[in-house]
Amino acid sequence: MGPLQWIEQHSPNQGRARQIFLLTDGEISNVTAVLDSCRSMASSTRIFFFGLGKSPSQSLVKGFARSTNGRFVFVPPNSSIDVYVGEQLQRALQPCITNIHVNWNLDVNVQIQTAPK
């Protein structure tokens, strides 16, 4: 938890988004604390996760990545991580859009649905 706490306590430079690459085997003992920490940084920090090993918790890694608008990849055992690092770097280089306000001028009787659900 130490590195995440440090990151949480040190905001990125004004007007800048922060990208973090986190490698995990998915064995996280304090899931709630880590998820809360990730969520608290979501407006300024995207975390890109690498799930390593034979059986990283897929739901855990996906949940953490989604909570920070980051992405995740699972690196199979005995495979080269180079390709996966390249993919994540490409994703991290995509612009980060924040503070969007949308005003829909719709009829009162229109039913709205979100996607994905």
Protein backbone atom coordinates (compact mmCIF):
# COMPACT_ATOMS: atom_id res chain seq x y z
CA MET A 1 0.00 0.00 0.00
CA GLY A 2 2.97 2.33 0.59
CA PRO A 3 3.63 3.33 -3.04
CA LEU A 4 -0.06 3.95 -3.73
CA GLN A 5 -0.33 6.10 -0.60
CA TRP A 6 2.67 8.15 -1.72
CA ILE A 7 1.15 8.64 -5.18
CA GLU A 8 -2.19 9.58 -3.65
CA GLN A 9 -0.52 12.21 -1.42
CA HIS A 10 1.45 13.80 -4.29
CA SER A 11 -0.81 15.34 -6.92
CA PRO A 12 0.33 15.54 -10.54
CA ASN A 13 1.37 18.89 -11.96
CA GLN A 14 -1.48 21.32 -12.61
CA GLY A 15 -3.27 20.54 -15.87
CA ARG A 16 -1.49 17.21 -16.27
CA ALA A 17 -2.81 13.67 -16.12
CA ARG A 18 -0.67 11.02 -14.48
CA GLN A 19 -0.18 7.55 -15.94
CA ILE A 20 0.96 4.71 -13.68
CA PHE A 21 1.95 1.20 -14.70
CA LEU A 22 1.34 -1.38 -12.00
CA LEU A 23 2.45 -5.01 -12.11
CA THR A 24 0.58 -7.48 -9.92
CA ASP A 25 0.11 -11.19 -9.46
CA GLY A 26 -3.44 -10.41 -8.35
CA GLU A 27 -2.80 -11.51 -4.77
CA ILE A 28 -3.79 -8.35 -2.92
CA SER A 29 -4.61 -8.80 0.74
CA ASN A 30 -6.18 -5.38 1.38
CA VAL A 31 -8.45 -5.14 -1.66
CA THR A 32 -10.83 -2.55 -0.22
CA ALA A 33 -8.06 -0.14 0.78
CA VAL A 34 -6.31 -0.44 -2.58
CA LEU A 35 -9.56 0.03 -4.52
CA ASP A 36 -10.48 3.07 -2.41
CA SER A 37 -7.04 4.54 -3.06
CA CYS A 38 -7.37 3.94 -6.81
CA ARG A 39 -10.82 5.53 -6.90
CA SER A 40 -9.64 8.60 -4.99
CA MET A 41 -7.03 9.26 -7.68
CA ALA A 42 -9.27 8.56 -10.69
CA SER A 43 -9.77 12.21 -11.65
CA SER A 44 -6.03 12.81 -12.09
CA THR A 45 -4.43 9.39 -12.50
CA ARG A 46 -4.92 6.48 -14.86
CA ILE A 47 -3.45 3.17 -13.74
CA PHE A 48 -2.50 0.56 -16.32
CA PHE A 49 -2.32 -2.91 -14.83
CA PHE A 50 -0.28 -5.92 -15.84
CA GLY A 51 -1.67 -9.17 -14.43
CA LEU A 52 1.29 -11.53 -14.13
CA GLY A 53 1.65 -15.21 -13.35
CA LYS A 54 -0.46 -18.31 -13.65
CA SER A 55 -3.63 -17.05 -12.06
CA PRO A 56 -3.94 -13.33 -11.37
CA SER A 57 -7.43 -12.41 -10.21
CA GLN A 58 -8.98 -11.21 -13.45
CA SER A 59 -11.97 -9.54 -11.81
CA LEU A 60 -9.69 -7.74 -9.38
CA VAL A 61 -7.27 -6.44 -12.01
CA LYS A 62 -10.13 -5.39 -14.31
CA GLY A 63 -11.93 -3.64 -11.46
CA PHE A 64 -8.85 -1.67 -10.46
CA ALA A 65 -8.17 -0.59 -14.04
CA ARG A 66 -11.77 0.47 -14.61
CA SER A 67 -11.87 2.44 -11.36
CA THR A 68 -9.07 4.70 -12.67
CA ASN A 69 -10.05 4.78 -16.36
CA GLY A 70 -6.91 2.77 -17.06
CA ARG A 71 -6.57 -0.53 -18.90
CA PHE A 72 -5.36 -4.01 -18.08
CA VAL A 73 -3.54 -6.86 -19.77
CA PHE A 74 -2.81 -10.38 -18.61
CA VAL A 75 0.69 -11.63 -19.36
CA PRO A 76 0.78 -15.43 -19.67
CA PRO A 77 3.55 -17.28 -17.83
CA ASN A 78 6.80 -17.78 -19.78
CA SER A 79 5.90 -15.16 -22.37
CA SER A 80 7.76 -12.03 -23.34
CA ILE A 81 6.31 -8.97 -21.67
CA ASP A 82 7.59 -6.66 -24.45
CA VAL A 83 4.44 -6.86 -26.59
CA TYR A 84 2.18 -6.23 -23.62
CA VAL A 85 4.22 -3.24 -22.46
CA GLY A 86 4.00 -1.78 -25.97
CA GLU A 87 0.20 -2.19 -25.98
CA GLN A 88 -0.16 -0.48 -22.62
CA LEU A 89 2.16 2.37 -23.66
CA GLN A 90 0.03 2.96 -26.76
CA ARG A 91 -3.07 3.12 -24.57
CA ALA A 92 -1.44 5.47 -22.07
CA LEU A 93 -0.46 7.84 -24.87
CA GLN A 94 -4.10 8.29 -25.87
CA PRO A 95 -5.46 11.68 -24.76
CA CYS A 96 -7.24 11.79 -21.45
CA ILE A 97 -10.48 13.75 -21.57
CA THR A 98 -11.91 15.12 -18.32
CA ASN A 99 -14.50 17.62 -17.11
CA ILE A 100 -16.93 17.02 -19.94
CA HIS A 101 -20.39 18.52 -19.66
CA VAL A 102 -23.14 17.38 -22.01
CA ASN A 103 -26.51 19.05 -22.30
CA TRP A 104 -29.10 16.95 -24.10
CA ASN A 105 -32.19 18.84 -25.23
CA LEU A 106 -34.50 15.85 -25.31
CA ASP A 107 -38.23 15.44 -25.06
CA VAL A 108 -39.35 14.76 -21.48
CA ASN A 109 -40.73 11.32 -22.45
CA VAL A 110 -37.44 9.94 -23.79
CA GLN A 111 -36.10 6.94 -21.90
CA ILE A 112 -32.32 7.02 -21.39
CA GLN A 113 -30.15 3.90 -21.18
CA THR A 114 -26.46 3.68 -20.42
CA ALA A 115 -24.05 1.47 -22.28
CA PRO A 116 -22.38 -0.63 -21.14
CA LYS A 117 -24.82 -1.52 -18.38
